[in-house]
C-alpha cells in the first residue's frame, strides 16, 4: 500500500517559550507555494501577538534545504507586473517585525526566498556545507524589490549581494561565517543542540529590550526606500522572465534575449 505525499505546508510547534516553524515541502527542497507564503504571514501574526513566545526557530523539513525558493509553477499565470514582489514584501515584513528574537536553522540550500527569509531572521546557524544565493540571473530572470535588496545589503554587504545576483553563484557557509552573516556553523549532527543553546540564551533575556532593539533597526533599514516600480515592472513584463519560467519548467537552459 502506498501513501500520498504530504501536501506542502508550514508546521508550527510550540514548546514552552520557544516556537518552531518548519517549512515542509521536502519533495521540492521546501520551495514555497503561494498558500505556504500566506500561512507564513498568518503564523507570524499569531506569534507576534503571543506574549508567551520568547524565541522563534525557523527551519526546513529534511536535510536538503532550508528553503530553495518559490515554487516556479505559480509564476506561469503571473500577470500583474510587480504585484508579486509587493505581496512577498508584505509577508516578509511580518517576519522581520516579529517582536521576539528569531533564528534560522539552515541545512543545505538557502536560496531565493529562502535566503531572504534567513536574512529576515535575527540569527542564522547553518551546517558547514550549506550554500546561499539568489541565482535568478541564471534561472528565472526576475528581480527583487528595493525593500528586499536593502535588507540583503545591510546584512551581507553590497559586494556580496552583487556577487550573488550578477554572477548567480552560490556562496558557501564558511565565507559567510567570516563576514558575520552567520552566527555559527555546526556539523549536521550537532546543529539542533547548537540552535537550542542559542534559543535558551535568548529566551532568558529582557524581551522588551530585545523587541525595541530589533524593531528600531528594522525601521531604520526600511526608511527612505526609493520607488523602483519601473524596474520591477520592466523585469516582470519582459520576454526574458517568461522564457525563464518556461525553461525552468521544461528542464532546459533559458535563451536570454535582453528584452
C-alpha atoms as a PDB file:
ATOM      1  CA  UNK A   1       0.000   0.000   0.000  1.00  0.00           C
ATOM      2  CA  UNK A   2       1.384   3.407  -0.993  1.00  0.00           C
ATOM      3  CA  UNK A   3       0.679   6.635   0.847  1.00  0.00           C
ATOM      4  CA  UNK A   4       0.184  10.033  -0.744  1.00  0.00           C
ATOM      5  CA  UNK A   5       2.929  12.589  -0.106  1.00  0.00           C
ATOM      6  CA  UNK A   6       2.163  15.243   2.480  1.00  0.00           C
ATOM      7  CA  UNK A   7       0.842  18.407   0.789  1.00  0.00           C
ATOM      8  CA  UNK A   8       3.208  21.395   1.003  1.00  0.00           C
ATOM      9  CA  UNK A   9       2.620  23.157   4.307  1.00  0.00           C
ATOM     10  CA  UNK A  10       4.189  25.049   7.177  1.00  0.00           C
ATOM     11  CA  UNK A  11       4.122  23.346  10.560  1.00  0.00           C
ATOM     12  CA  UNK A  12       4.136  25.190  13.875  1.00  0.00           C
ATOM     13  CA  UNK A  13       5.328  23.557  17.074  1.00  0.00           C
ATOM     14  CA  UNK A  14       5.293  25.433  20.388  1.00  0.00           C
ATOM     15  CA  UNK A  15       7.270  24.115  23.335  1.00  0.00           C
ATOM     16  CA  UNK A  16       7.083  26.467  26.294  1.00  0.00           C
ATOM     17  CA  UNK A  17       8.752  29.772  25.383  1.00  0.00           C
ATOM     18  CA  UNK A  18      10.150  28.518  22.077  1.00  0.00           C
ATOM     19  CA  UNK A  19       8.201  28.191  18.817  1.00  0.00           C
ATOM     20  CA  UNK A  20       9.457  26.206  15.837  1.00  0.00           C
ATOM     21  CA  UNK A  21       8.254  26.949  12.306  1.00  0.00           C
ATOM     22  CA  UNK A  22       9.010  24.190   9.783  1.00  0.00           C
ATOM     23  CA  UNK A  23       8.805  24.678   6.011  1.00  0.00           C
ATOM     24  CA  UNK A  24       7.506  21.286   4.960  1.00  0.00           C
ATOM     25  CA  UNK A  25       7.829  20.620   1.242  1.00  0.00           C
ATOM     26  CA  UNK A  26      10.841  18.271   1.082  1.00  0.00           C
ATOM     27  CA  UNK A  27       9.913  16.825  -2.315  1.00  0.00           C
ATOM     28  CA  UNK A  28      10.739  20.266  -3.799  1.00  0.00           C
ATOM     29  CA  UNK A  29      13.512  21.157  -1.321  1.00  0.00           C
ATOM     30  CA  UNK A  30      10.969  23.164   0.658  1.00  0.00           C
ATOM     31  CA  UNK A  31      10.130  25.533  -2.197  1.00  0.00           C
ATOM     32  CA  UNK A  32       7.281  27.788  -1.116  1.00  0.00           C
ATOM     33  CA  UNK A  33       3.888  27.661  -2.772  1.00  0.00           C
ATOM     34  CA  UNK A  34       1.651  30.707  -2.502  1.00  0.00           C
ATOM     35  CA  UNK A  35      -0.548  29.045   0.177  1.00  0.00           C
ATOM     36  CA  UNK A  36       2.655  28.461   2.178  1.00  0.00           C
ATOM     37  CA  UNK A  37       3.522  32.157   1.899  1.00  0.00           C
ATOM     38  CA  UNK A  38       0.043  33.037   3.130  1.00  0.00           C
ATOM     39  CA  UNK A  39       0.344  30.574   6.011  1.00  0.00           C
ATOM     40  CA  UNK A  40       3.694  32.102   6.972  1.00  0.00           C
ATOM     41  CA  UNK A  41       2.029  35.500   7.289  1.00  0.00           C
ATOM     42  CA  UNK A  42      -0.734  34.058   9.477  1.00  0.00           C
ATOM     43  CA  UNK A  43       1.751  32.195  11.679  1.00  0.00           C
ATOM     44  CA  UNK A  44       3.930  35.277  12.153  1.00  0.00           C
ATOM     45  CA  UNK A  45       0.915  37.418  13.030  1.00  0.00           C
ATOM     46  CA  UNK A  46      -0.187  34.797  15.559  1.00  0.00           C
ATOM     47  CA  UNK A  47       3.262  34.564  17.143  1.00  0.00           C
ATOM     48  CA  UNK A  48       3.605  38.345  17.298  1.00  0.00           C
ATOM     49  CA  UNK A  49       0.508  38.561  19.489  1.00  0.00           C
ATOM     50  CA  UNK A  50       1.547  35.724  21.819  1.00  0.00           C
ATOM     51  CA  UNK A  51       3.440  37.168  24.829  1.00  0.00           C
ATOM     52  CA  UNK A  52       4.460  33.691  25.996  1.00  0.00           C
ATOM     53  CA  UNK A  53       6.715  33.092  22.985  1.00  0.00           C
ATOM     54  CA  UNK A  54      10.221  34.386  23.583  1.00  0.00           C
ATOM     55  CA  UNK A  55      12.120  32.882  20.621  1.00  0.00           C
ATOM     56  CA  UNK A  56      11.111  31.530  17.191  1.00  0.00           C
ATOM     57  CA  UNK A  57      13.222  28.998  15.268  1.00  0.00           C
ATOM     58  CA  UNK A  58      12.660  28.644  11.514  1.00  0.00           C
ATOM     59  CA  UNK A  59      13.866  25.535   9.691  1.00  0.00           C
ATOM     60  CA  UNK A  60      13.177  23.370   6.665  1.00  0.00           C
ATOM     61  CA  UNK A  61      11.993  19.780   6.694  1.00  0.00           C
ATOM     62  CA  UNK A  62      14.699  17.223   5.892  1.00  0.00           C
ATOM     63  CA  UNK A  63      18.392  17.818   5.288  1.00  0.00           C
ATOM     64  CA  UNK A  64      18.451  19.148   1.716  1.00  0.00           C
ATOM     65  CA  UNK A  65      17.310  22.729   2.164  1.00  0.00           C
ATOM     66  CA  UNK A  66      16.079  25.461   4.460  1.00  0.00           C
ATOM     67  CA  UNK A  67      14.006  26.872   1.594  1.00  0.00           C
ATOM     68  CA  UNK A  68      15.073  26.577  -2.048  1.00  0.00           C
ATOM     69  CA  UNK A  69      12.974  29.498  -3.315  1.00  0.00           C
ATOM     70  CA  UNK A  70       9.454  29.820  -4.616  1.00  0.00           C
ATOM     71  CA  UNK A  71       7.547  27.065  -6.375  1.00  0.00           C
ATOM     72  CA  UNK A  72       8.086  28.062 -10.025  1.00  0.00           C
ATOM     73  CA  UNK A  73       4.737  26.726 -11.221  1.00  0.00           C
ATOM     74  CA  UNK A  74       2.980  29.672  -9.605  1.00  0.00           C
ATOM     75  CA  UNK A  75       4.756  32.097 -11.971  1.00  0.00           C
ATOM     76  CA  UNK A  76       3.128  30.650 -15.097  1.00  0.00           C
ATOM     77  CA  UNK A  77      -0.002  32.797 -14.870  1.00  0.00           C
ATOM     78  CA  UNK A  78       1.592  35.801 -13.167  1.00  0.00           C
ATOM     79  CA  UNK A  79       0.251  38.869 -14.994  1.00  0.00           C
ATOM     80  CA  UNK A  80       0.358  41.760 -12.537  1.00  0.00           C
ATOM     81  CA  UNK A  81       3.776  43.281 -13.038  1.00  0.00           C
ATOM     82  CA  UNK A  82       5.445  43.979  -9.701  1.00  0.00           C
ATOM     83  CA  UNK A  83       2.443  42.770  -7.656  1.00  0.00           C
ATOM     84  CA  UNK A  84       4.218  39.541  -6.702  1.00  0.00           C
ATOM     85  CA  UNK A  85       7.194  41.364  -5.176  1.00  0.00           C
ATOM     86  CA  UNK A  86       4.884  43.767  -3.345  1.00  0.00           C
ATOM     87  CA  UNK A  87       2.900  40.863  -1.883  1.00  0.00           C
ATOM     88  CA  UNK A  88       6.039  38.996  -0.839  1.00  0.00           C
ATOM     89  CA  UNK A  89       7.401  42.178   0.760  1.00  0.00           C
ATOM     90  CA  UNK A  90       4.303  42.330   2.941  1.00  0.00           C
ATOM     91  CA  UNK A  91       4.772  38.727   4.041  1.00  0.00           C
ATOM     92  CA  UNK A  92       8.491  39.098   4.758  1.00  0.00           C
ATOM     93  CA  UNK A  93       7.756  42.235   6.793  1.00  0.00           C
ATOM     94  CA  UNK A  94       5.689  40.143   9.200  1.00  0.00           C
ATOM     95  CA  UNK A  95       8.783  38.000   9.814  1.00  0.00           C
ATOM     96  CA  UNK A  96      11.187  40.941  10.058  1.00  0.00           C
ATOM     97  CA  UNK A  97       8.940  42.671  12.578  1.00  0.00           C
ATOM     98  CA  UNK A  98       8.356  39.792  14.968  1.00  0.00           C
ATOM     99  CA  UNK A  99       8.947  41.288  18.441  1.00  0.00           C
ATOM    100  CA  UNK A 100      10.972  38.329  19.735  1.00  0.00           C
ATOM    101  CA  UNK A 101      14.389  37.074  18.557  1.00  0.00           C
ATOM    102  CA  UNK A 102      14.324  34.694  15.595  1.00  0.00           C
ATOM    103  CA  UNK A 103      16.804  32.039  14.485  1.00  0.00           C
ATOM    104  CA  UNK A 104      17.139  30.453  11.045  1.00  0.00           C
ATOM    105  CA  UNK A 105      18.445  26.886  11.288  1.00  0.00           C
ATOM    106  CA  UNK A 106      19.857  26.106   7.853  1.00  0.00           C
ATOM    107  CA  UNK A 107      20.760  22.751   6.358  1.00  0.00           C
ATOM    108  CA  UNK A 108      21.677  22.551   2.691  1.00  0.00           C
ATOM    109  CA  UNK A 109      20.310  25.314   0.471  1.00  0.00           C
ATOM    110  CA  UNK A 110      19.014  28.756   1.400  1.00  0.00           C
ATOM    111  CA  UNK A 111      18.410  30.335  -1.989  1.00  0.00           C
ATOM    112  CA  UNK A 112      15.994  32.865  -3.437  1.00  0.00           C
ATOM    113  CA  UNK A 113      13.206  33.495  -0.984  1.00  0.00           C
ATOM    114  CA  UNK A 114      14.985  31.069   1.344  1.00  0.00           C
ATOM    115  CA  UNK A 115      17.921  33.458   1.617  1.00  0.00           C
ATOM    116  CA  UNK A 116      15.512  36.363   2.100  1.00  0.00           C
ATOM    117  CA  UNK A 117      13.757  34.584   4.954  1.00  0.00           C
ATOM    118  CA  UNK A 118      17.017  33.563   6.581  1.00  0.00           C
ATOM    119  CA  UNK A 119      18.168  37.185   6.360  1.00  0.00           C
ATOM    120  CA  UNK A 120      14.890  38.364   7.884  1.00  0.00           C
ATOM    121  CA  UNK A 121      15.757  36.343  10.992  1.00  0.00           C
ATOM    122  CA  UNK A 122      17.971  37.846  13.674  1.00  0.00           C
ATOM    123  CA  UNK A 123      20.459  34.955  13.770  1.00  0.00           C
ATOM    124  CA  UNK A 124      21.493  32.290  11.298  1.00  0.00           C
ATOM    125  CA  UNK A 125      23.131  28.986  12.215  1.00  0.00           C
ATOM    126  CA  UNK A 126      23.943  26.589   9.386  1.00  0.00           C
ATOM    127  CA  UNK A 127      25.621  23.318   8.646  1.00  0.00           C
ATOM    128  CA  UNK A 128      29.160  23.709   7.353  1.00  0.00           C
ATOM    129  CA  UNK A 129      28.167  22.596   3.851  1.00  0.00           C
ATOM    130  CA  UNK A 130      25.212  24.996   3.489  1.00  0.00           C
ATOM    131  CA  UNK A 131      25.057  27.223   0.414  1.00  0.00           C
ATOM    132  CA  UNK A 132      23.400  30.601  -0.080  1.00  0.00           C
ATOM    133  CA  UNK A 133      22.416  32.746  -3.041  1.00  0.00           C
ATOM    134  CA  UNK A 134      19.849  34.284  -5.371  1.00  0.00           C
ATOM    135  CA  UNK A 135      20.599  32.795  -8.806  1.00  0.00           C
ATOM    136  CA  UNK A 136      17.708  34.452 -10.659  1.00  0.00           C
ATOM    137  CA  UNK A 137      20.033  35.735 -13.408  1.00  0.00           C
ATOM    138  CA  UNK A 138      20.581  32.070 -14.303  1.00  0.00           C
ATOM    139  CA  UNK A 139      17.131  30.652 -13.568  1.00  0.00           C
ATOM    140  CA  UNK A 140      14.068  32.908 -13.848  1.00  0.00           C
ATOM    141  CA  UNK A 141      15.220  36.326 -14.999  1.00  0.00           C
ATOM    142  CA  UNK A 142      13.159  38.184 -12.387  1.00  0.00           C
ATOM    143  CA  UNK A 143      14.292  40.765  -9.825  1.00  0.00           C
ATOM    144  CA  UNK A 144      13.959  41.745  -6.160  1.00  0.00           C
ATOM    145  CA  UNK A 145      12.162  44.663  -4.573  1.00  0.00           C
ATOM    146  CA  UNK A 146      14.096  47.628  -3.131  1.00  0.00           C
ATOM    147  CA  UNK A 147      12.960  46.564   0.336  1.00  0.00           C
ATOM    148  CA  UNK A 148      14.462  43.105  -0.003  1.00  0.00           C
ATOM    149  CA  UNK A 149      17.644  44.391  -1.643  1.00  0.00           C
ATOM    150  CA  UNK A 150      18.088  46.946   1.124  1.00  0.00           C
ATOM    151  CA  UNK A 151      17.695  44.222   3.749  1.00  0.00           C
ATOM    152  CA  UNK A 152      20.172  41.919   1.991  1.00  0.00           C
ATOM    153  CA  UNK A 153      22.738  44.681   1.508  1.00  0.00           C
ATOM    154  CA  UNK A 154      22.563  45.657   5.178  1.00  0.00           C
ATOM    155  CA  UNK A 155      23.232  42.084   6.319  1.00  0.00           C
ATOM    156  CA  UNK A 156      25.561  40.775   3.600  1.00  0.00           C
ATOM    157  CA  UNK A 157      27.186  43.912   2.192  1.00  0.00           C
ATOM    158  CA  UNK A 158      26.776  45.268  -1.326  1.00  0.00           C
ATOM    159  CA  UNK A 159      29.762  43.385  -2.841  1.00  0.00           C
ATOM    160  CA  UNK A 160      28.400  40.012  -1.699  1.00  0.00           C
ATOM    161  CA  UNK A 161      24.871  40.836  -2.867  1.00  0.00           C
ATOM    162  CA  UNK A 162      26.225  41.871  -6.270  1.00  0.00           C
ATOM    163  CA  UNK A 163      28.198  38.629  -6.474  1.00  0.00           C
ATOM    164  CA  UNK A 164      25.069  36.622  -5.711  1.00  0.00           C
ATOM    165  CA  UNK A 165      22.812  38.500  -8.129  1.00  0.00           C
ATOM    166  CA  UNK A 166      25.109  39.314 -11.038  1.00  0.00           C
ATOM    167  CA  UNK A 167      27.090  36.050 -11.218  1.00  0.00           C
ATOM    168  CA  UNK A 168      24.298  33.772  -9.891  1.00  0.00           C
ATOM    169  CA  UNK A 169      26.950  31.981  -7.825  1.00  0.00           C
ATOM    170  CA  UNK A 170      26.063  30.189  -4.600  1.00  0.00           C
ATOM    171  CA  UNK A 171      28.270  31.102  -1.640  1.00  0.00           C
ATOM    172  CA  UNK A 172      29.407  28.505   0.874  1.00  0.00           C
ATOM    173  CA  UNK A 173      28.849  28.830   4.609  1.00  0.00           C
ATOM    174  CA  UNK A 174      32.492  29.408   5.677  1.00  0.00           C
ATOM    175  CA  UNK A 175      32.680  32.628   3.633  1.00  0.00           C
ATOM    176  CA  UNK A 176      29.521  33.983   5.269  1.00  0.00           C
ATOM    177  CA  UNK A 177      30.667  32.919   8.714  1.00  0.00           C
ATOM    178  CA  UNK A 178      33.738  35.110   8.339  1.00  0.00           C
ATOM    179  CA  UNK A 179      31.602  38.096   7.313  1.00  0.00           C
ATOM    180  CA  UNK A 180      29.359  37.792  10.357  1.00  0.00           C
ATOM    181  CA  UNK A 181      26.240  36.935   8.365  1.00  0.00           C
ATOM    182  CA  UNK A 182      26.198  33.520  10.025  1.00  0.00           C
ATOM    183  CA  UNK A 183      26.190  33.461  13.817  1.00  0.00           C
ATOM    184  CA  UNK A 184      27.722  29.986  13.843  1.00  0.00           C
ATOM    185  CA  UNK A 185      28.189  26.835  11.805  1.00  0.00           C
ATOM    186  CA  UNK A 186      27.896  23.280  13.094  1.00  0.00           C
ATOM    187  CA  UNK A 187      28.089  19.697  11.944  1.00  0.00           C
ATOM    188  CA  UNK A 188      24.723  18.334  10.858  1.00  0.00           C
ATOM    189  CA  UNK A 189      24.551  16.015  13.869  1.00  0.00           C
ATOM    190  CA  UNK A 190      25.156  18.926  16.249  1.00  0.00           C
ATOM    191  CA  UNK A 191      23.090  21.716  14.734  1.00  0.00           C
ATOM    192  CA  UNK A 192      19.912  21.071  16.735  1.00  0.00           C
ATOM    193  CA  UNK A 193      21.817  21.313  20.013  1.00  0.00           C
ATOM    194  CA  UNK A 194      23.660  24.431  18.840  1.00  0.00           C
ATOM    195  CA  UNK A 195      20.440  26.186  17.835  1.00  0.00           C
ATOM    196  CA  UNK A 196      18.670  25.187  21.049  1.00  0.00           C
ATOM    197  CA  UNK A 197      21.523  26.573  23.147  1.00  0.00           C
ATOM    198  CA  UNK A 198      21.211  29.966  21.463  1.00  0.00           C
ATOM    199  CA  UNK A 199      17.416  29.871  21.803  1.00  0.00           C
ATOM    200  CA  UNK A 200      17.658  29.206  25.552  1.00  0.00           C
ATOM    201  CA  UNK A 201      20.160  32.046  25.938  1.00  0.00           C
ATOM    202  CA  UNK A 202      17.884  34.480  24.098  1.00  0.00           C
ATOM    203  CA  UNK A 203      14.775  33.350  25.988  1.00  0.00           C
ATOM    204  CA  UNK A 204      16.420  34.239  29.314  1.00  0.00           C
ATOM    205  CA  UNK A 205      16.988  37.912  28.422  1.00  0.00           C
ATOM    206  CA  UNK A 206      14.774  41.010  28.634  1.00  0.00           C
ATOM    207  CA  UNK A 207      12.094  40.722  25.928  1.00  0.00           C
ATOM    208  CA  UNK A 208      11.179  44.418  25.914  1.00  0.00           C
ATOM    209  CA  UNK A 209      14.785  45.395  25.263  1.00  0.00           C
ATOM    210  CA  UNK A 210      15.096  42.764  22.535  1.00  0.00           C
ATOM    211  CA  UNK A 211      11.913  43.997  20.862  1.00  0.00           C
ATOM    212  CA  UNK A 212      12.969  47.645  20.908  1.00  0.00           C
ATOM    213  CA  UNK A 213      16.471  46.884  19.674  1.00  0.00           C
ATOM    214  CA  UNK A 214      15.494  44.768  16.685  1.00  0.00           C
ATOM    215  CA  UNK A 215      12.479  46.836  15.604  1.00  0.00           C
ATOM    216  CA  UNK A 216      14.346  50.149  15.717  1.00  0.00           C
ATOM    217  CA  UNK A 217      16.956  48.609  13.431  1.00  0.00           C
ATOM    218  CA  UNK A 218      14.228  47.250  11.149  1.00  0.00           C
ATOM    219  CA  UNK A 219      12.611  50.688  10.865  1.00  0.00           C
ATOM    220  CA  UNK A 220      15.948  52.282  10.025  1.00  0.00           C
ATOM    221  CA  UNK A 221      16.503  49.787   7.215  1.00  0.00           C
ATOM    222  CA  UNK A 222      13.015  50.335   5.810  1.00  0.00           C
ATOM    223  CA  UNK A 223      13.097  54.151   5.916  1.00  0.00           C
ATOM    224  CA  UNK A 224      13.519  56.259   2.762  1.00  0.00           C
ATOM    225  CA  UNK A 225      13.346  53.379   0.297  1.00  0.00           C
ATOM    226  CA  UNK A 226      13.293  54.558  -3.349  1.00  0.00           C
ATOM    227  CA  UNK A 227      10.408  53.886  -5.721  1.00  0.00           C
ATOM    228  CA  UNK A 228      11.647  51.207  -8.123  1.00  0.00           C
ATOM    229  CA  UNK A 229       8.282  50.251  -9.578  1.00  0.00           C
ATOM    230  CA  UNK A 230       9.517  50.982 -13.102  1.00  0.00           C
ATOM    231  CA  UNK A 231      12.375  48.492 -12.868  1.00  0.00           C
ATOM    232  CA  UNK A 232      10.289  45.735 -11.281  1.00  0.00           C
ATOM    233  CA  UNK A 233       7.547  46.252 -13.867  1.00  0.00           C
ATOM    234  CA  UNK A 234      10.040  46.151 -16.736  1.00  0.00           C
ATOM    235  CA  UNK A 235      11.530  42.905 -15.442  1.00  0.00           C
ATOM    236  CA  UNK A 236       8.310  41.051 -14.706  1.00  0.00           C
ATOM    237  CA  UNK A 237       6.810  42.138 -18.048  1.00  0.00           C
ATOM    238  CA  UNK A 238       9.895  41.074 -20.002  1.00  0.00           C
ATOM    239  CA  UNK A 239      10.144  38.248 -22.501  1.00  0.00           C
ATOM    240  CA  UNK A 240      13.191  37.058 -20.582  1.00  0.00           C
ATOM    241  CA  UNK A 241      11.124  36.466 -17.436  1.00  0.00           C
ATOM    242  CA  UNK A 242       8.554  34.408 -19.355  1.00  0.00           C
ATOM    243  CA  UNK A 243      11.372  32.497 -21.008  1.00  0.00           C
ATOM    244  CA  UNK A 244      12.994  31.832 -17.637  1.00  0.00           C
ATOM    245  CA  UNK A 245       9.803  30.381 -16.182  1.00  0.00           C
ATOM    246  CA  UNK A 246       9.086  28.234 -19.238  1.00  0.00           C
ATOM    247  CA  UNK A 247      12.668  26.979 -19.482  1.00  0.00           C
ATOM    248  CA  UNK A 248      12.754  26.044 -15.802  1.00  0.00           C
ATOM    249  CA  UNK A 249       9.518  24.068 -16.049  1.00  0.00           C
ATOM    250  CA  UNK A 250      10.652  22.387 -19.276  1.00  0.00           C
ATOM    251  CA  UNK A 251      14.033  21.437 -17.807  1.00  0.00           C
ATOM    252  CA  UNK A 252      16.170  23.262 -20.391  1.00  0.00           C
ATOM    253  CA  UNK A 253      18.587  26.214 -20.304  1.00  0.00           C
ATOM    254  CA  UNK A 254      16.890  29.582 -20.882  1.00  0.00           C
ATOM    255  CA  UNK A 255      17.640  31.582 -24.017  1.00  0.00           C
ATOM    256  CA  UNK A 256      18.052  35.185 -22.863  1.00  0.00           C
ATOM    257  CA  UNK A 257      17.397  37.943 -25.418  1.00  0.00           C
ATOM    258  CA  UNK A 258      17.561  41.044 -23.210  1.00  0.00           C
ATOM    259  CA  UNK A 259      14.019  42.265 -23.723  1.00  0.00           C
END
